Protein backbone atom coordinates (compact mmCIF):
# COMPACT_ATOMS: atom_id res chain seq x y z
CA UNK A 1 27.31 -96.98 -95.37
CA UNK A 2 29.32 -95.70 -93.15
CA UNK A 3 30.11 -92.54 -95.46
CA UNK A 4 26.80 -92.00 -95.89
CA UNK A 5 26.02 -92.07 -91.47
CA UNK A 6 29.01 -89.85 -91.10
CA UNK A 7 27.61 -87.17 -94.04
CA UNK A 8 23.88 -88.07 -93.48
CA UNK A 9 24.94 -86.65 -89.34
CA UNK A 10 26.58 -83.38 -90.77
CA UNK A 11 30.09 -85.08 -89.48
CA UNK A 12 32.69 -83.50 -92.22
CA UNK A 13 35.27 -83.72 -90.28
CA UNK A 14 34.51 -87.74 -89.45
CA UNK A 15 34.05 -88.19 -93.28
CA UNK A 16 36.98 -86.88 -94.48
CA UNK A 17 38.76 -89.42 -91.91
CA UNK A 18 36.93 -92.11 -93.47
CA UNK A 19 37.80 -91.17 -97.18
CA UNK A 20 41.35 -90.83 -96.10
CA UNK A 21 41.99 -94.26 -94.21
CA UNK A 22 40.14 -95.65 -97.38
CA UNK A 23 43.00 -94.62 -99.40
CA UNK A 24 45.59 -95.28 -96.91
CA UNK A 25 44.65 -98.83 -96.90
CA UNK A 26 44.06 -99.01 -101.13
CA UNK A 27 48.12 -97.41 -101.04
CA UNK A 28 48.91 -100.26 -98.48
CA UNK A 29 47.62 -103.05 -100.58
CA UNK A 30 47.49 -102.15 -104.29
CA UNK A 31 50.65 -100.52 -104.44
CA UNK A 32 52.82 -103.36 -103.49
CA UNK A 33 50.65 -105.40 -105.83
CA UNK A 34 51.17 -103.26 -108.90
CA UNK A 35 55.48 -103.23 -108.04
CA UNK A 36 55.29 -107.23 -107.87
CA UNK A 37 53.20 -107.45 -111.03
CA UNK A 38 55.92 -104.93 -112.60
CA UNK A 39 59.04 -106.30 -111.39
CA UNK A 40 58.33 -109.89 -111.56
CA UNK A 41 56.37 -110.07 -114.75
CA UNK A 42 59.00 -112.45 -117.06
CA UNK A 43 59.40 -115.00 -114.33
CA UNK A 44 55.22 -115.35 -113.76
CA UNK A 45 54.57 -115.97 -117.36
CA UNK A 46 57.36 -118.09 -117.45
CA UNK A 47 56.17 -119.78 -114.56
CA UNK A 48 52.71 -119.97 -115.36
CA UNK A 49 51.88 -120.13 -119.60
CA UNK A 50 55.43 -120.62 -121.28
CA UNK A 51 55.64 -124.27 -122.52
CA UNK A 52 53.99 -125.75 -125.86
CA UNK A 53 53.79 -123.47 -128.12
CA UNK A 54 54.14 -120.27 -126.47
CA UNK A 55 57.67 -119.17 -126.86
CA UNK A 56 60.15 -117.12 -124.87
CA UNK A 57 59.18 -114.29 -126.96
CA UNK A 58 55.91 -115.13 -126.17
CA UNK A 59 56.82 -115.07 -122.40
CA UNK A 60 58.78 -111.29 -122.89
CA UNK A 61 55.43 -110.22 -124.78
CA UNK A 62 53.54 -111.35 -122.70
CA UNK A 63 55.25 -109.63 -119.56
CA UNK A 64 55.10 -105.98 -121.29
CA UNK A 65 51.57 -106.15 -121.11
CA UNK A 66 50.86 -107.09 -118.00
CA UNK A 67 53.68 -104.50 -116.27
CA UNK A 68 51.75 -101.52 -118.42
CA UNK A 69 48.62 -102.63 -116.86
CA UNK A 70 50.13 -103.30 -113.91
CA UNK A 71 51.22 -99.90 -113.49
CA UNK A 72 47.47 -98.92 -113.15
CA UNK A 73 46.58 -101.64 -110.89
CA UNK A 74 46.30 -98.38 -107.71
CA UNK A 75 44.07 -96.77 -109.77
CA UNK A 76 42.05 -99.16 -110.09
CA UNK A 77 41.59 -99.72 -107.21
CA UNK A 78 41.66 -95.89 -105.86
CA UNK A 79 38.68 -95.01 -107.76
CA UNK A 80 36.65 -97.35 -105.87
CA UNK A 81 37.71 -95.91 -102.69
CA UNK A 82 37.01 -92.37 -104.42
CA UNK A 83 33.59 -92.93 -105.86
CA UNK A 84 31.82 -93.97 -102.77
CA UNK A 85 32.32 -89.98 -101.70
CA UNK A 86 30.29 -89.33 -104.55
CA UNK A 87 27.41 -91.92 -104.40
CA UNK A 88 27.54 -91.08 -100.43
CA UNK A 89 26.11 -87.65 -101.12
CA UNK A 90 23.47 -88.51 -104.07
CA UNK A 91 25.73 -87.67 -107.12
CA UNK A 92 25.55 -90.59 -109.49
CA UNK A 93 26.16 -88.20 -112.51
CA UNK A 94 29.37 -87.12 -111.85
CA UNK A 95 31.88 -90.15 -111.52
CA UNK A 96 29.93 -91.76 -114.80
CA UNK A 97 30.91 -88.28 -116.60
CA UNK A 98 34.97 -88.41 -115.44
CA UNK A 99 34.48 -92.03 -116.29
CA UNK A 100 33.57 -91.07 -120.07
CA UNK A 101 35.62 -88.85 -120.48
CA UNK A 102 38.67 -91.68 -119.53
CA UNK A 103 36.94 -93.55 -121.47
CA UNK A 104 37.83 -91.34 -124.37
CA UNK A 105 41.55 -91.12 -122.93
CA UNK A 106 41.15 -94.50 -123.35
CA UNK A 107 40.38 -94.36 -126.80
CA UNK A 108 42.42 -91.50 -127.35
CA UNK A 109 45.40 -93.34 -125.80
CA UNK A 110 45.18 -96.65 -127.70
CA UNK A 111 45.17 -94.82 -130.92
CA UNK A 112 47.89 -92.99 -130.32
CA UNK A 113 50.38 -95.67 -128.59
CA UNK A 114 49.38 -98.69 -130.76
CA UNK A 115 51.83 -97.46 -133.35
CA UNK A 116 54.85 -97.14 -131.66
CA UNK A 117 54.29 -99.77 -128.92
CA UNK A 118 52.59 -102.55 -130.45
CA UNK A 119 49.99 -104.15 -128.79
CA UNK A 120 52.31 -102.78 -125.13
CA UNK A 121 50.14 -99.66 -126.05
CA UNK A 122 47.28 -100.71 -125.08
CA UNK A 123 48.42 -101.72 -121.17
CA UNK A 124 49.59 -97.85 -120.92
CA UNK A 125 46.35 -96.29 -122.21
CA UNK A 126 45.00 -98.04 -119.90
CA UNK A 127 46.94 -97.90 -116.69
CA UNK A 128 47.00 -93.63 -118.30
CA UNK A 129 43.48 -93.35 -118.35
CA UNK A 130 43.00 -94.96 -114.95
CA UNK A 131 45.31 -92.71 -113.53
CA UNK A 132 43.38 -89.99 -115.05
CA UNK A 133 40.31 -90.90 -113.63
CA UNK A 134 41.40 -90.53 -110.18
CA UNK A 135 43.30 -87.63 -110.80
CA UNK A 136 39.40 -86.39 -111.84
CA UNK A 137 38.07 -88.08 -108.65
CA UNK A 138 39.79 -86.30 -106.26
CA UNK A 139 39.97 -83.39 -107.71
CA UNK A 140 36.44 -82.72 -107.67
CA UNK A 141 36.42 -83.79 -104.11
CA UNK A 142 38.82 -81.93 -103.58
CA UNK A 143 37.15 -78.55 -105.37
CA UNK A 144 33.95 -79.21 -103.72
CA UNK A 145 35.46 -79.43 -100.43
CA UNK A 146 35.27 -83.50 -99.41
CA UNK A 147 38.20 -84.70 -99.57
CA UNK A 148 41.31 -83.02 -97.77
CA UNK A 149 44.70 -85.31 -96.96
CA UNK A 150 45.73 -85.24 -93.80
CA UNK A 151 48.93 -85.03 -92.36
CA UNK A 152 48.30 -89.03 -91.60
CA UNK A 153 47.73 -90.14 -94.94
CA UNK A 154 50.84 -88.16 -96.58
CA UNK A 155 53.11 -89.64 -94.08
CA UNK A 156 52.10 -92.56 -94.52
CA UNK A 157 51.79 -92.71 -98.54
CA UNK A 158 55.67 -92.14 -98.32
CA UNK A 159 56.68 -95.12 -96.08
CA UNK A 160 54.56 -97.65 -97.90
CA UNK A 161 56.40 -96.26 -101.72
CA UNK A 162 59.71 -96.47 -99.94
CA UNK A 163 58.75 -99.80 -98.22
CA UNK A 164 57.04 -100.76 -101.93
CA UNK A 165 60.76 -99.73 -103.58
CA UNK A 166 62.83 -101.99 -101.16
CA UNK A 167 60.17 -105.07 -101.66
CA UNK A 168 60.92 -104.17 -105.20
CA UNK A 169 64.75 -104.26 -105.38
CA UNK A 170 64.54 -106.92 -104.07
CA UNK A 171 62.17 -109.10 -106.32
CA UNK A 172 64.05 -107.59 -109.68
CA UNK A 173 67.37 -109.43 -107.96
CA UNK A 174 65.48 -113.00 -107.10
CA UNK A 175 64.03 -112.26 -110.38
CA UNK A 176 66.47 -113.68 -111.86
CA UNK A 177 67.65 -116.82 -109.56
CA UNK A 178 63.97 -117.43 -109.81
CA UNK A 179 63.45 -117.10 -113.53
CA UNK A 180 65.97 -120.46 -113.80
CA UNK A 181 64.14 -122.53 -112.35
CA UNK A 182 60.73 -122.10 -114.83
CA UNK A 183 61.95 -124.60 -117.48
CA UNK A 184 61.55 -127.40 -114.64
CA UNK A 185 59.21 -129.31 -113.37
CA UNK A 186 55.63 -127.88 -112.88
CA UNK A 187 56.34 -128.37 -108.97
CA UNK A 188 59.27 -126.44 -109.43
CA UNK A 189 57.70 -123.39 -111.04
CA UNK A 190 54.64 -123.10 -108.22
CA UNK A 191 57.55 -123.63 -105.92
CA UNK A 192 60.01 -121.00 -107.12
CA UNK A 193 57.10 -118.59 -107.51
CA UNK A 194 55.82 -118.75 -104.07
CA UNK A 195 59.10 -118.08 -102.37
CA UNK A 196 59.25 -115.09 -104.95
CA UNK A 197 55.99 -113.83 -104.47
CA UNK A 198 55.83 -114.86 -100.97
CA UNK A 199 59.66 -113.63 -99.78
CA UNK A 200 58.30 -110.18 -101.31
CA UNK A 201 55.59 -110.19 -99.96
CA UNK A 202 57.45 -110.67 -96.10
CA UNK A 203 59.77 -108.32 -96.77
CA UNK A 204 56.98 -105.71 -98.01
CA UNK A 205 55.58 -106.27 -94.59
CA UNK A 206 58.60 -106.28 -92.39
CA UNK A 207 60.21 -102.65 -94.62
CA UNK A 208 56.11 -101.74 -93.20
CA UNK A 209 56.67 -102.17 -89.84
CA UNK A 210 60.32 -101.06 -89.72
CA UNK A 211 59.00 -97.87 -91.22
CA UNK A 212 56.26 -97.31 -88.83
CA UNK A 213 53.90 -97.52 -91.96
CA UNK A 214 51.47 -99.95 -89.53
CA UNK A 215 52.36 -101.49 -86.46
CA UNK A 216 50.97 -105.15 -85.70
CA UNK A 217 47.83 -103.92 -83.41
CA UNK A 218 46.69 -101.58 -85.73
CA UNK A 219 46.52 -103.80 -88.45
CA UNK A 220 44.65 -106.86 -85.73
CA UNK A 221 42.29 -103.83 -85.29
CA UNK A 222 42.09 -103.51 -88.95
CA UNK A 223 40.92 -107.34 -89.33
CA UNK A 224 38.43 -107.05 -86.34
CA UNK A 225 36.72 -103.99 -87.81
CA UNK A 226 36.32 -106.05 -91.11
CA UNK A 227 35.39 -109.41 -89.16
């Protein structure tokens, strides 16, 4: 609704700023989630599913699929952020057409990757098609002059990437330790996963603050606006 009002009032600069801030927030939330799911896939699957007939081999196989799908998490979110850029301009056909192209990429990718990668190929093809959809949506908006990445978005994107990388290294180091608790009782599994995920999230937040990605005041302002 905000984007529609800004476009309707003939204020392209405000509309571009709104879209840039939306992309910025999407990356801030989705990128660390993707990194965490990729790096900590094994202990997560081990702790949640490995018991009874679900073996260690099943854990590894499932974790690989989870990691493949997780690579597309930022893309899944960015699609939801970019699509309103068309709807706000009363263009409902273009996103559908681009989504059909992405679906075709997904279908072809599945047929090609299923042979060398097996079941993991399904996740890889899905992630690739999602990123193709993002590229097409952004490309069309950019070509039409409806979106232009500003200096703030570019600067924050790099900082978000570095903060997520710091978290990823810490999770990789902690995953082995956490995985050793996943054969224990349910409370031990829950505690280990909570410490692993909570610690990773806290480290990401601290790294983001240290790098100047966001200040505490910025986060409070966003929460107040959401409320």
